[in-house]
Amino acid sequence: MSWAVMNSQNDDPRRPSQVVPFQPPRKEEETTITDFFSMTSMSFGMLAVVMKVRYFAWLSFIMAVAYASNSRFSQVEVKQLVSSIGLSIVILLISYLSPSPPRRVG
């Protein structure tokens, strides 16, 4: 054997008995039902504002309440819950207080 190989074997500070194989950390599910409720609440809210359809505003509010009731408080910040419900309430108010477009007759 060469001198470099013998020297590296003798000077190796690692201890084979203490070597632990790498195990990647376990991940929780990345997409949950609360993410679905949050996304659909925002989507229906934007549809209600753009298309001036009140049913979409109500769906946005229902999805926001479902999001709040199904979320775990350890995973979701309170700011996110308040903003989601607050936005859906504001969209409901906007949809009822904004003037409706004139309807065509005939």
PDB file of N, CA and C in Angstrom:
ATOM      1  N   MET A   1       0.838  -1.180   0.000  1.00  0.00           N
ATOM      2  CA  MET A   1       0.000   0.000   0.000  1.00  0.00           C
ATOM      3  C   MET A   1       0.876   1.233   0.000  1.00  0.00           C
ATOM      4  N   SER A   2       0.304   2.295  -0.523  1.00  0.00           N
ATOM      5  CA  SER A   2       1.067   3.534  -0.536  1.00  0.00           C
ATOM      6  C   SER A   2       0.988   4.210   0.829  1.00  0.00           C
ATOM      7  N   TRP A   3       1.896   5.141   1.017  1.00  0.00           N
ATOM      8  CA  TRP A   3       1.971   5.831   2.295  1.00  0.00           C
ATOM      9  C   TRP A   3       0.733   6.671   2.543  1.00  0.00           C
ATOM     10  N   ALA A   4       0.139   7.303   1.522  1.00  0.00           N
ATOM     11  CA  ALA A   4      -1.038   8.157   1.682  1.00  0.00           C
ATOM     12  C   ALA A   4      -2.253   7.348   2.125  1.00  0.00           C
ATOM     13  N   VAL A   5      -2.415   6.151   1.567  1.00  0.00           N
ATOM     14  CA  VAL A   5      -3.555   5.322   1.936  1.00  0.00           C
ATOM     15  C   VAL A   5      -3.405   4.831   3.364  1.00  0.00           C
ATOM     16  N   MET A   6      -2.237   4.396   3.749  1.00  0.00           N
ATOM     17  CA  MET A   6      -2.021   3.918   5.116  1.00  0.00           C
ATOM     18  C   MET A   6      -2.159   5.055   6.118  1.00  0.00           C
ATOM     19  N   ASN A   7      -1.682   6.232   5.773  1.00  0.00           N
ATOM     20  CA  ASN A   7      -1.744   7.370   6.675  1.00  0.00           C
ATOM     21  C   ASN A   7      -3.189   7.833   6.853  1.00  0.00           C
ATOM     22  N   SER A   8      -4.003   7.811   5.786  1.00  0.00           N
ATOM     23  CA  SER A   8      -5.394   8.258   5.905  1.00  0.00           C
ATOM     24  C   SER A   8      -6.208   7.271   6.742  1.00  0.00           C
ATOM     25  N   GLN A   9      -5.860   5.974   6.702  1.00  0.00           N
ATOM     26  CA  GLN A   9      -6.579   4.999   7.515  1.00  0.00           C
ATOM     27  C   GLN A   9      -6.242   5.155   8.985  1.00  0.00           C
ATOM     28  N   ASN A  10      -5.048   5.502   9.306  1.00  0.00           N
ATOM     29  CA  ASN A  10      -4.646   5.645  10.698  1.00  0.00           C
ATOM     30  C   ASN A  10      -5.092   6.968  11.290  1.00  0.00           C
ATOM     31  N   ASP A  11      -5.175   8.026  10.471  1.00  0.00           N
ATOM     32  CA  ASP A  11      -5.519   9.352  10.979  1.00  0.00           C
ATOM     33  C   ASP A  11      -7.005   9.683  10.839  1.00  0.00           C
ATOM     34  N   ASP A  12      -7.791   8.747  10.463  1.00  0.00           N
ATOM     35  CA  ASP A  12      -9.219   8.999  10.250  1.00  0.00           C
ATOM     36  C   ASP A  12      -9.906   9.190  11.599  1.00  0.00           C
ATOM     37  N   PRO A  13     -10.458  10.402  11.863  1.00  0.00           N
ATOM     38  CA  PRO A  13     -11.086  10.661  13.172  1.00  0.00           C
ATOM     39  C   PRO A  13     -12.489  10.069  13.313  1.00  0.00           C
ATOM     40  N   ARG A  14     -13.066   9.573  12.240  1.00  0.00           N
ATOM     41  CA  ARG A  14     -14.431   9.032  12.327  1.00  0.00           C
ATOM     42  C   ARG A  14     -14.426   7.698  13.045  1.00  0.00           C
ATOM     43  N   ARG A  15     -15.518   7.458  13.749  1.00  0.00           N
ATOM     44  CA  ARG A  15     -15.669   6.192  14.471  1.00  0.00           C
ATOM     45  C   ARG A  15     -16.782   5.400  13.792  1.00  0.00           C
ATOM     46  N   PRO A  16     -16.445   4.262  13.210  1.00  0.00           N
ATOM     47  CA  PRO A  16     -17.474   3.501  12.478  1.00  0.00           C
ATOM     48  C   PRO A  16     -18.632   3.048  13.355  1.00  0.00           C
ATOM     49  N   SER A  17     -18.421   2.881  14.619  1.00  0.00           N
ATOM     50  CA  SER A  17     -19.509   2.430  15.487  1.00  0.00           C
ATOM     51  C   SER A  17     -20.525   3.537  15.768  1.00  0.00           C
ATOM     52  N   GLN A  18     -20.124   4.783  15.567  1.00  0.00           N
ATOM     53  CA  GLN A  18     -21.029   5.901  15.858  1.00  0.00           C
ATOM     54  C   GLN A  18     -21.632   6.533  14.600  1.00  0.00           C
ATOM     55  N   VAL A  19     -21.403   5.948  13.454  1.00  0.00           N
ATOM     56  CA  VAL A  19     -21.951   6.476  12.217  1.00  0.00           C
ATOM     57  C   VAL A  19     -23.436   6.130  12.144  1.00  0.00           C
ATOM     58  N   VAL A  20     -24.264   7.144  11.900  1.00  0.00           N
ATOM     59  CA  VAL A  20     -25.710   6.971  11.790  1.00  0.00           C
ATOM     60  C   VAL A  20     -26.095   7.258  10.346  1.00  0.00           C
ATOM     61  N   PRO A  21     -26.786   6.354   9.686  1.00  0.00           N
ATOM     62  CA  PRO A  21     -27.167   6.623   8.297  1.00  0.00           C
ATOM     63  C   PRO A  21     -28.184   7.749   8.218  1.00  0.00           C
ATOM     64  N   PHE A  22     -28.113   8.515   7.135  1.00  0.00           N
ATOM     65  CA  PHE A  22     -29.000   9.658   6.934  1.00  0.00           C
ATOM     66  C   PHE A  22     -30.413   9.183   6.620  1.00  0.00           C
ATOM     67  N   GLN A  23     -31.377   9.792   7.298  1.00  0.00           N
ATOM     68  CA  GLN A  23     -32.784   9.558   7.010  1.00  0.00           C
ATOM     69  C   GLN A  23     -33.441  10.913   6.814  1.00  0.00           C
ATOM     70  N   PRO A  24     -34.047  11.152   5.652  1.00  0.00           N
ATOM     71  CA  PRO A  24     -34.675  12.457   5.432  1.00  0.00           C
ATOM     72  C   PRO A  24     -35.839  12.656   6.394  1.00  0.00           C
ATOM     73  N   PRO A  25     -36.087  13.906   6.809  1.00  0.00           N
ATOM     74  CA  PRO A  25     -37.202  14.153   7.734  1.00  0.00           C
ATOM     75  C   PRO A  25     -38.541  13.880   7.062  1.00  0.00           C
ATOM     76  N   ARG A  26     -39.480  13.436   7.866  1.00  0.00           N
ATOM     77  CA  ARG A  26     -40.815  13.159   7.340  1.00  0.00           C
ATOM     78  C   ARG A  26     -41.548  14.475   7.114  1.00  0.00           C
ATOM     79  N   LYS A  27     -42.197  14.567   5.992  1.00  0.00           N
ATOM     80  CA  LYS A  27     -42.982  15.753   5.671  1.00  0.00           C
ATOM     81  C   LYS A  27     -44.456  15.449   5.896  1.00  0.00           C
ATOM     82  N   GLU A  28     -45.157  16.468   6.341  1.00  0.00           N
ATOM     83  CA  GLU A  28     -46.601  16.328   6.443  1.00  0.00           C
ATOM     84  C   GLU A  28     -47.188  16.514   5.054  1.00  0.00           C
ATOM     85  N   GLU A  29     -48.451  16.238   4.919  1.00  0.00           N
ATOM     86  CA  GLU A  29     -49.097  16.426   3.628  1.00  0.00           C
ATOM     87  C   GLU A  29     -49.002  17.892   3.240  1.00  0.00           C
ATOM     88  N   GLU A  30     -48.585  18.131   2.010  1.00  0.00           N
ATOM     89  CA  GLU A  30     -48.397  19.503   1.582  1.00  0.00           C
ATOM     90  C   GLU A  30     -49.714  20.173   1.211  1.00  0.00           C
ATOM     91  N   THR A  31     -50.612  19.449   0.611  1.00  0.00           N
ATOM     92  CA  THR A  31     -51.899  20.028   0.273  1.00  0.00           C
ATOM     93  C   THR A  31     -52.962  19.384   1.163  1.00  0.00           C
ATOM     94  N   THR A  32     -53.680  20.190   1.846  1.00  0.00           N
ATOM     95  CA  THR A  32     -54.729  19.697   2.730  1.00  0.00           C
ATOM     96  C   THR A  32     -56.067  20.280   2.287  1.00  0.00           C
ATOM     97  N   ILE A  33     -57.110  19.844   2.941  1.00  0.00           N
ATOM     98  CA  ILE A  33     -58.439  20.335   2.599  1.00  0.00           C
ATOM     99  C   ILE A  33     -58.578  21.817   2.967  1.00  0.00           C
ATOM    100  N   THR A  34     -57.843  22.265   3.984  1.00  0.00           N
ATOM    101  CA  THR A  34     -57.933  23.683   4.347  1.00  0.00           C
ATOM    102  C   THR A  34     -57.325  24.560   3.264  1.00  0.00           C
ATOM    103  N   ASP A  35     -56.286  24.078   2.586  1.00  0.00           N
ATOM    104  CA  ASP A  35     -55.732  24.833   1.467  1.00  0.00           C
ATOM    105  C   ASP A  35     -56.756  24.950   0.344  1.00  0.00           C
ATOM    106  N   PHE A  36     -57.491  23.883   0.118  1.00  0.00           N
ATOM    107  CA  PHE A  36     -58.543  23.919  -0.899  1.00  0.00           C
ATOM    108  C   PHE A  36     -59.615  24.937  -0.535  1.00  0.00           C
ATOM    109  N   PHE A  37     -60.063  24.932   0.719  1.00  0.00           N
ATOM    110  CA  PHE A  37     -61.080  25.895   1.149  1.00  0.00           C
ATOM    111  C   PHE A  37     -60.578  27.329   1.032  1.00  0.00           C
ATOM    112  N   SER A  38     -59.343  27.545   1.402  1.00  0.00           N
ATOM    113  CA  SER A  38     -58.775  28.893   1.321  1.00  0.00           C
ATOM    114  C   SER A  38     -58.701  29.365  -0.123  1.00  0.00           C
ATOM    115  N   MET A  39     -58.223  28.510  -0.998  1.00  0.00           N
ATOM    116  CA  MET A  39     -58.077  28.896  -2.406  1.00  0.00           C
ATOM    117  C   MET A  39     -59.426  29.124  -3.065  1.00  0.00           C
ATOM    118  N   THR A  40     -60.397  28.259  -2.799  1.00  0.00           N
ATOM    119  CA  THR A  40     -61.711  28.457  -3.414  1.00  0.00           C
ATOM    120  C   THR A  40     -62.411  29.681  -2.841  1.00  0.00           C
ATOM    121  N   SER A  41     -62.169  29.994  -1.577  1.00  0.00           N
ATOM    122  CA  SER A  41     -62.742  31.200  -0.994  1.00  0.00           C
ATOM    123  C   SER A  41     -62.222  32.446  -1.705  1.00  0.00           C
ATOM    124  N   MET A  42     -60.919  32.487  -1.940  1.00  0.00           N
ATOM    125  CA  MET A  42     -60.342  33.630  -2.652  1.00  0.00           C
ATOM    126  C   MET A  42     -60.817  33.677  -4.106  1.00  0.00           C
ATOM    127  N   SER A  43     -60.908  32.519  -4.736  1.00  0.00           N
ATOM    128  CA  SER A  43     -61.328  32.474  -6.147  1.00  0.00           C
ATOM    129  C   SER A  43     -62.774  32.935  -6.309  1.00  0.00           C
ATOM    130  N   PHE A  44     -63.661  32.419  -5.471  1.00  0.00           N
ATOM    131  CA  PHE A  44     -65.055  32.845  -5.559  1.00  0.00           C
ATOM    132  C   PHE A  44     -65.213  34.315  -5.189  1.00  0.00           C
ATOM    133  N   GLY A  45     -64.394  34.791  -4.276  1.00  0.00           N
ATOM    134  CA  GLY A  45     -64.455  36.210  -3.929  1.00  0.00           C
ATOM    135  C   GLY A  45     -64.080  37.097  -5.098  1.00  0.00           C
ATOM    136  N   MET A  46     -63.027  36.727  -5.807  1.00  0.00           N
ATOM    137  CA  MET A  46     -62.628  37.523  -6.969  1.00  0.00           C
ATOM    138  C   MET A  46     -63.670  37.423  -8.082  1.00  0.00           C
ATOM    139  N   LEU A  47     -64.248  36.244  -8.255  1.00  0.00           N
ATOM    140  CA  LEU A  47     -65.313  36.111  -9.254  1.00  0.00           C
ATOM    141  C   LEU A  47     -66.522  36.970  -8.890  1.00  0.00           C
ATOM    142  N   ALA A  48     -66.843  37.053  -7.609  1.00  0.00           N
ATOM    143  CA  ALA A  48     -67.984  37.867  -7.180  1.00  0.00           C
ATOM    144  C   ALA A  48     -67.738  39.343  -7.464  1.00  0.00           C
ATOM    145  N   VAL A  49     -66.516  39.803  -7.259  1.00  0.00           N
ATOM    146  CA  VAL A  49     -66.217  41.216  -7.502  1.00  0.00           C
ATOM    147  C   VAL A  49     -66.201  41.510  -8.994  1.00  0.00           C
ATOM    148  N   VAL A  50     -65.582  40.645  -9.767  1.00  0.00           N
ATOM    149  CA  VAL A  50     -65.431  40.910 -11.196  1.00  0.00           C
ATOM    150  C   VAL A  50     -66.741  40.720 -11.949  1.00  0.00           C
ATOM    151  N   MET A  51     -67.470  39.634 -11.645  1.00  0.00           N
ATOM    152  CA  MET A  51     -68.668  39.327 -12.408  1.00  0.00           C
ATOM    153  C   MET A  51     -69.950  39.875 -11.775  1.00  0.00           C
ATOM    154  N   LYS A  52     -69.855  40.428 -10.599  1.00  0.00           N
ATOM    155  CA  LYS A  52     -71.003  40.997  -9.879  1.00  0.00           C
ATOM    156  C   LYS A  52     -72.113  39.968  -9.670  1.00  0.00           C
ATOM    157  N   VAL A  53     -71.710  38.764  -9.257  1.00  0.00           N
ATOM    158  CA  VAL A  53     -72.668  37.696  -8.975  1.00  0.00           C
ATOM    159  C   VAL A  53     -72.654  37.453  -7.466  1.00  0.00           C
ATOM    160  N   ARG A  54     -73.802  37.640  -6.848  1.00  0.00           N
ATOM    161  CA  ARG A  54     -73.870  37.537  -5.388  1.00  0.00           C
ATOM    162  C   ARG A  54     -73.697  36.109  -4.887  1.00  0.00           C
ATOM    163  N   TYR A  55     -74.066  35.142  -5.692  1.00  0.00           N
ATOM    164  CA  TYR A  55     -73.909  33.748  -5.274  1.00  0.00           C
ATOM    165  C   TYR A  55     -72.438  33.399  -5.045  1.00  0.00           C
ATOM    166  N   PHE A  56     -71.577  33.961  -5.866  1.00  0.00           N
ATOM    167  CA  PHE A  56     -70.138  33.717  -5.679  1.00  0.00           C
ATOM    168  C   PHE A  56     -69.653  34.327  -4.370  1.00  0.00           C
ATOM    169  N   ALA A  57     -70.222  35.473  -3.979  1.00  0.00           N
ATOM    170  CA  ALA A  57     -69.844  36.091  -2.701  1.00  0.00           C
ATOM    171  C   ALA A  57     -70.262  35.197  -1.538  1.00  0.00           C
ATOM    172  N   TRP A  58     -71.444  34.609  -1.631  1.00  0.00           N
ATOM    173  CA  TRP A  58     -71.895  33.708  -0.572  1.00  0.00           C
ATOM    174  C   TRP A  58     -71.047  32.441  -0.524  1.00  0.00           C
ATOM    175  N   LEU A  59     -70.691  31.911  -1.691  1.00  0.00           N
ATOM    176  CA  LEU A  59     -69.812  30.746  -1.717  1.00  0.00           C
ATOM    177  C   LEU A  59     -68.445  31.077  -1.122  1.00  0.00           C
ATOM    178  N   SER A  60     -67.968  32.276  -1.390  1.00  0.00           N
ATOM    179  CA  SER A  60     -66.691  32.705  -0.816  1.00  0.00           C
ATOM    180  C   SER A  60     -66.785  32.753   0.707  1.00  0.00           C
ATOM    181  N   PHE A  61     -67.879  33.276   1.221  1.00  0.00           N
ATOM    182  CA  PHE A  61     -68.056  33.350   2.667  1.00  0.00           C
ATOM    183  C   PHE A  61     -68.168  31.950   3.284  1.00  0.00           C
ATOM    184  N   ILE A  62     -68.915  31.068   2.638  1.00  0.00           N
ATOM    185  CA  ILE A  62     -69.078  29.706   3.156  1.00  0.00           C
ATOM    186  C   ILE A  62     -67.742  28.972   3.163  1.00  0.00           C
ATOM    187  N   MET A  63     -66.969  29.131   2.101  1.00  0.00           N
ATOM    188  CA  MET A  63     -65.658  28.480   2.046  1.00  0.00           C
ATOM    189  C   MET A  63     -64.699  29.063   3.087  1.00  0.00           C
ATOM    190  N   ALA A  64     -64.793  30.350   3.357  1.00  0.00           N
ATOM    191  CA  ALA A  64     -63.937  30.964   4.380  1.00  0.00           C
ATOM    192  C   ALA A  64     -64.289  30.447   5.768  1.00  0.00           C
ATOM    193  N   VAL A  65     -65.572  30.271   6.031  1.00  0.00           N
ATOM    194  CA  VAL A  65     -65.989  29.713   7.325  1.00  0.00           C
ATOM    195  C   VAL A  65     -65.564  28.248   7.439  1.00  0.00           C
ATOM    196  N   ALA A  66     -65.676  27.502   6.349  1.00  0.00           N
ATOM    197  CA  ALA A  66     -65.222  26.109   6.357  1.00  0.00           C
ATOM    198  C   ALA A  66     -63.716  26.037   6.563  1.00  0.00           C
ATOM    199  N   TYR A  67     -62.992  26.974   5.969  1.00  0.00           N
ATOM    200  CA  TYR A  67     -61.542  27.046   6.156  1.00  0.00           C
ATOM    201  C   TYR A  67     -61.196  27.307   7.618  1.00  0.00           C
ATOM    202  N   ALA A  68     -61.930  28.225   8.224  1.00  0.00           N
ATOM    203  CA  ALA A  68     -61.655  28.552   9.626  1.00  0.00           C
ATOM    204  C   ALA A  68     -62.021  27.400  10.550  1.00  0.00           C
ATOM    205  N   SER A  69     -63.098  26.699  10.243  1.00  0.00           N
ATOM    206  CA  SER A  69     -63.525  25.617  11.134  1.00  0.00           C
ATOM    207  C   SER A  69     -62.689  24.353  10.979  1.00  0.00           C
ATOM    208  N   ASN A  70     -62.090  24.136   9.821  1.00  0.00           N
ATOM    209  CA  ASN A  70     -61.312  22.921   9.593  1.00  0.00           C
ATOM    210  C   ASN A  70     -59.816  23.097   9.797  1.00  0.00           C
ATOM    211  N   SER A  71     -59.360  24.304  10.014  1.00  0.00           N
ATOM    212  CA  SER A  71     -57.919  24.505  10.151  1.00  0.00           C
ATOM    213  C   SER A  71     -57.480  24.274  11.589  1.00  0.00           C
ATOM    214  N   ARG A  72     -56.256  23.816  11.715  1.00  0.00           N
ATOM    215  CA  ARG A  72     -55.652  23.655  13.039  1.00  0.00           C
ATOM    216  C   ARG A  72     -54.918  24.937  13.368  1.00  0.00           C
ATOM    217  N   PHE A  73     -55.090  25.405  14.574  1.00  0.00           N
ATOM    218  CA  PHE A  73     -54.483  26.676  14.922  1.00  0.00           C
ATOM    219  C   PHE A  73     -52.977  26.585  15.061  1.00  0.00           C
ATOM    220  N   SER A  74     -52.439  25.364  15.156  1.00  0.00           N
ATOM    221  CA  SER A  74     -50.993  25.225  15.200  1.00  0.00           C
ATOM    222  C   SER A  74     -50.384  25.390  13.813  1.00  0.00           C
ATOM    223  N   GLN A  75     -51.159  25.142  12.758  1.00  0.00           N
ATOM    224  CA  GLN A  75     -50.636  25.239  11.402  1.00  0.00           C
ATOM    225  C   GLN A  75     -50.897  26.593  10.753  1.00  0.00           C
ATOM    226  N   VAL A  76     -51.967  27.255  11.128  1.00  0.00           N
ATOM    227  CA  VAL A  76     -52.397  28.461  10.444  1.00  0.00           C
ATOM    228  C   VAL A  76     -52.262  29.656  11.390  1.00  0.00           C
ATOM    229  N   GLU A  77     -51.795  30.754  10.839  1.00  0.00           N
ATOM    230  CA  GLU A  77     -51.703  31.964  11.648  1.00  0.00           C
ATOM    231  C   GLU A  77     -53.089  32.605  11.783  1.00  0.00           C
ATOM    232  N   VAL A  78     -53.267  33.315  12.867  1.00  0.00           N
ATOM    233  CA  VAL A  78     -54.552  33.981  13.114  1.00  0.00           C
ATOM    234  C   VAL A  78     -54.773  35.082  12.087  1.00  0.00           C
ATOM    235  N   LYS A  79     -53.696  35.738  11.656  1.00  0.00           N
ATOM    236  CA  LYS A  79     -53.820  36.793  10.645  1.00  0.00           C
ATOM    237  C   LYS A  79     -54.426  36.252   9.355  1.00  0.00           C
ATOM    238  N   GLN A  80     -54.021  35.070   8.975  1.00  0.00           N
ATOM    239  CA  GLN A  80     -54.517  34.472   7.746  1.00  0.00           C
ATOM    240  C   GLN A  80     -56.004  34.138   7.870  1.00  0.00           C
ATOM    241  N   LEU A  81     -56.415  33.631   9.016  1.00  0.00           N
ATOM    242  CA  LEU A  81     -57.834  33.331   9.224  1.00  0.00           C
ATOM    243  C   LEU A  81     -58.673  34.610   9.203  1.00  0.00           C
ATOM    244  N   VAL A  82     -58.215  35.622   9.911  1.00  0.00           N
ATOM    245  CA  VAL A  82     -58.974  36.874   9.991  1.00  0.00           C
ATOM    246  C   VAL A  82     -59.055  37.536   8.625  1.00  0.00           C
ATOM    247  N   SER A  83     -57.954  37.525   7.882  1.00  0.00           N
ATOM    248  CA  SER A  83     -57.985  38.166   6.562  1.00  0.00           C
ATOM    249  C   SER A  83     -58.881  37.409   5.592  1.00  0.00           C
ATOM    250  N   SER A  84     -58.920  36.098   5.670  1.00  0.00           N
ATOM    251  CA  SER A  84     -59.774  35.313   4.777  1.00  0.00           C
ATOM    252  C   SER A  84     -61.245  35.579   5.061  1.00  0.00           C
ATOM    253  N   ILE A  85     -61.626  35.530   6.329  1.00  0.00           N
ATOM    254  CA  ILE A  85     -63.027  35.782   6.675  1.00  0.00           C
ATOM    255  C   ILE A  85     -63.384  37.245   6.444  1.00  0.00           C
ATOM    256  N   GLY A  86     -62.466  38.141   6.786  1.00  0.00           N
ATOM    257  CA  GLY A  86     -62.717  39.566   6.576  1.00  0.00           C
ATOM    258  C   GLY A  86     -62.893  39.904   5.109  1.00  0.00           C
ATOM    259  N   LEU A  87     -62.064  39.316   4.263  1.00  0.00           N
ATOM    260  CA  LEU A  87     -62.191  39.566   2.832  1.00  0.00           C
ATOM    261  C   LEU A  87     -63.520  39.053   2.295  1.00  0.00           C
ATOM    262  N   SER A  88     -63.950  37.898   2.748  1.00  0.00           N
ATOM    263  CA  SER A  88     -65.231  37.376   2.257  1.00  0.00           C
ATOM    264  C   SER A  88     -66.403  38.232   2.739  1.00  0.00           C
ATOM    265  N   ILE A  89     -66.320  38.771   3.951  1.00  0.00           N
ATOM    266  CA  ILE A  89     -67.385  39.662   4.441  1.00  0.00           C
ATOM    267  C   ILE A  89     -67.399  40.959   3.645  1.00  0.00           C
ATOM    268  N   VAL A  90     -66.234  41.506   3.366  1.00  0.00           N
ATOM    269  CA  VAL A  90     -66.165  42.738   2.569  1.00  0.00           C
ATOM    270  C   VAL A  90     -66.702  42.494   1.166  1.00  0.00           C
ATOM    271  N   ILE A  91     -66.408  41.348   0.595  1.00  0.00           N
ATOM    272  CA  ILE A  91     -66.925  41.030  -0.742  1.00  0.00           C
ATOM    273  C   ILE A  91     -68.443  40.892  -0.711  1.00  0.00           C
ATOM    274  N   LEU A  92     -68.985  40.315   0.357  1.00  0.00           N
ATOM    275  CA  LEU A  92     -70.448  40.265   0.493  1.00  0.00           C
ATOM    276  C   LEU A  92     -71.037  41.669   0.550  1.00  0.00           C
ATOM    277  N   LEU A  93     -70.412  42.526   1.338  1.00  0.00           N
ATOM    278  CA  LEU A  93     -70.904  43.904   1.427  1.00  0.00           C
ATOM    279  C   LEU A  93     -70.807  44.619   0.088  1.00  0.00           C
ATOM    280  N   ILE A  94     -69.708  44.445  -0.597  1.00  0.00           N
ATOM    281  CA  ILE A  94     -69.538  45.094  -1.901  1.00  0.00           C
ATOM    282  C   ILE A  94     -70.577  44.592  -2.890  1.00  0.00           C
ATOM    283  N   SER A  95     -70.841  43.308  -2.861  1.00  0.00           N
ATOM    284  CA  SER A  95     -71.787  42.759  -3.839  1.00  0.00           C
ATOM    285  C   SER A  95     -73.213  43.256  -3.590  1.00  0.00           C
ATOM    286  N   TYR A  96     -73.567  43.538  -2.349  1.00  0.00           N
ATOM    287  CA  TYR A  96     -74.917  44.036  -2.066  1.00  0.00           C
ATOM    288  C   TYR A  96     -75.013  45.551  -2.100  1.00  0.00           C
ATOM    289  N   LEU A  97     -73.935  46.254  -1.852  1.00  0.00           N
ATOM    290  CA  LEU A  97     -74.000  47.718  -1.812  1.00  0.00           C
ATOM    291  C   LEU A  97     -73.639  48.384  -3.136  1.00  0.00           C
ATOM    292  N   SER A  98     -72.977  47.656  -4.018  1.00  0.00           N
ATOM    293  CA  SER A  98     -72.614  48.262  -5.309  1.00  0.00           C
ATOM    294  C   SER A  98     -73.831  48.251  -6.213  1.00  0.00           C
ATOM    295  N   PRO A  99     -73.914  49.256  -7.097  1.00  0.00           N
ATOM    296  CA  PRO A  99     -75.074  49.288  -7.985  1.00  0.00           C
ATOM    297  C   PRO A  99     -75.034  48.140  -8.986  1.00  0.00           C
ATOM    298  N   SER A 100     -76.179  47.568  -9.212  1.00  0.00           N
ATOM    299  CA  SER A 100     -76.280  46.453 -10.160  1.00  0.00           C
ATOM    300  C   SER A 100     -76.264  46.997 -11.589  1.00  0.00           C
ATOM    301  N   PRO A 101     -75.712  46.239 -12.508  1.00  0.00           N
ATOM    302  CA  PRO A 101     -75.740  46.691 -13.892  1.00  0.00           C
ATOM    303  C   PRO A 101     -77.174  46.670 -14.426  1.00  0.00           C
ATOM    304  N   PRO A 102     -77.515  47.573 -15.330  1.00  0.00           N
ATOM    305  CA  PRO A 102     -78.894  47.578 -15.867  1.00  0.00           C
ATOM    306  C   PRO A 102     -79.185  46.290 -16.627  1.00  0.00           C
ATOM    307  N   ARG A 103     -80.394  45.801 -16.462  1.00  0.00           N
ATOM    308  CA  ARG A 103     -80.787  44.554 -17.117  1.00  0.00           C
ATOM    309  C   ARG A 103     -81.416  44.869 -18.478  1.00  0.00           C
ATOM    310  N   ARG A 104     -81.113  44.010 -19.414  1.00  0.00           N
ATOM    311  CA  ARG A 104     -81.682  44.162 -20.739  1.00  0.00           C
ATOM    312  C   ARG A 104     -83.085  43.580 -20.772  1.00  0.00           C
ATOM    313  N   VAL A 105     -83.944  44.270 -21.455  1.00  0.00           N
ATOM    314  CA  VAL A 105     -85.307  43.798 -21.605  1.00  0.00           C
ATOM    315  C   VAL A 105     -85.485  43.348 -23.045  1.00  0.00           C
ATOM    316  N   GLY A 106     -85.962  42.168 -23.190  1.00  0.00           N
ATOM    317  CA  GLY A 106     -86.309  41.735 -24.511  1.00  0.00           C
ATOM    318  C   GLY A 106     -85.401  40.831 -25.160  1.00  0.00           C
TER     319      GLY A 106
END
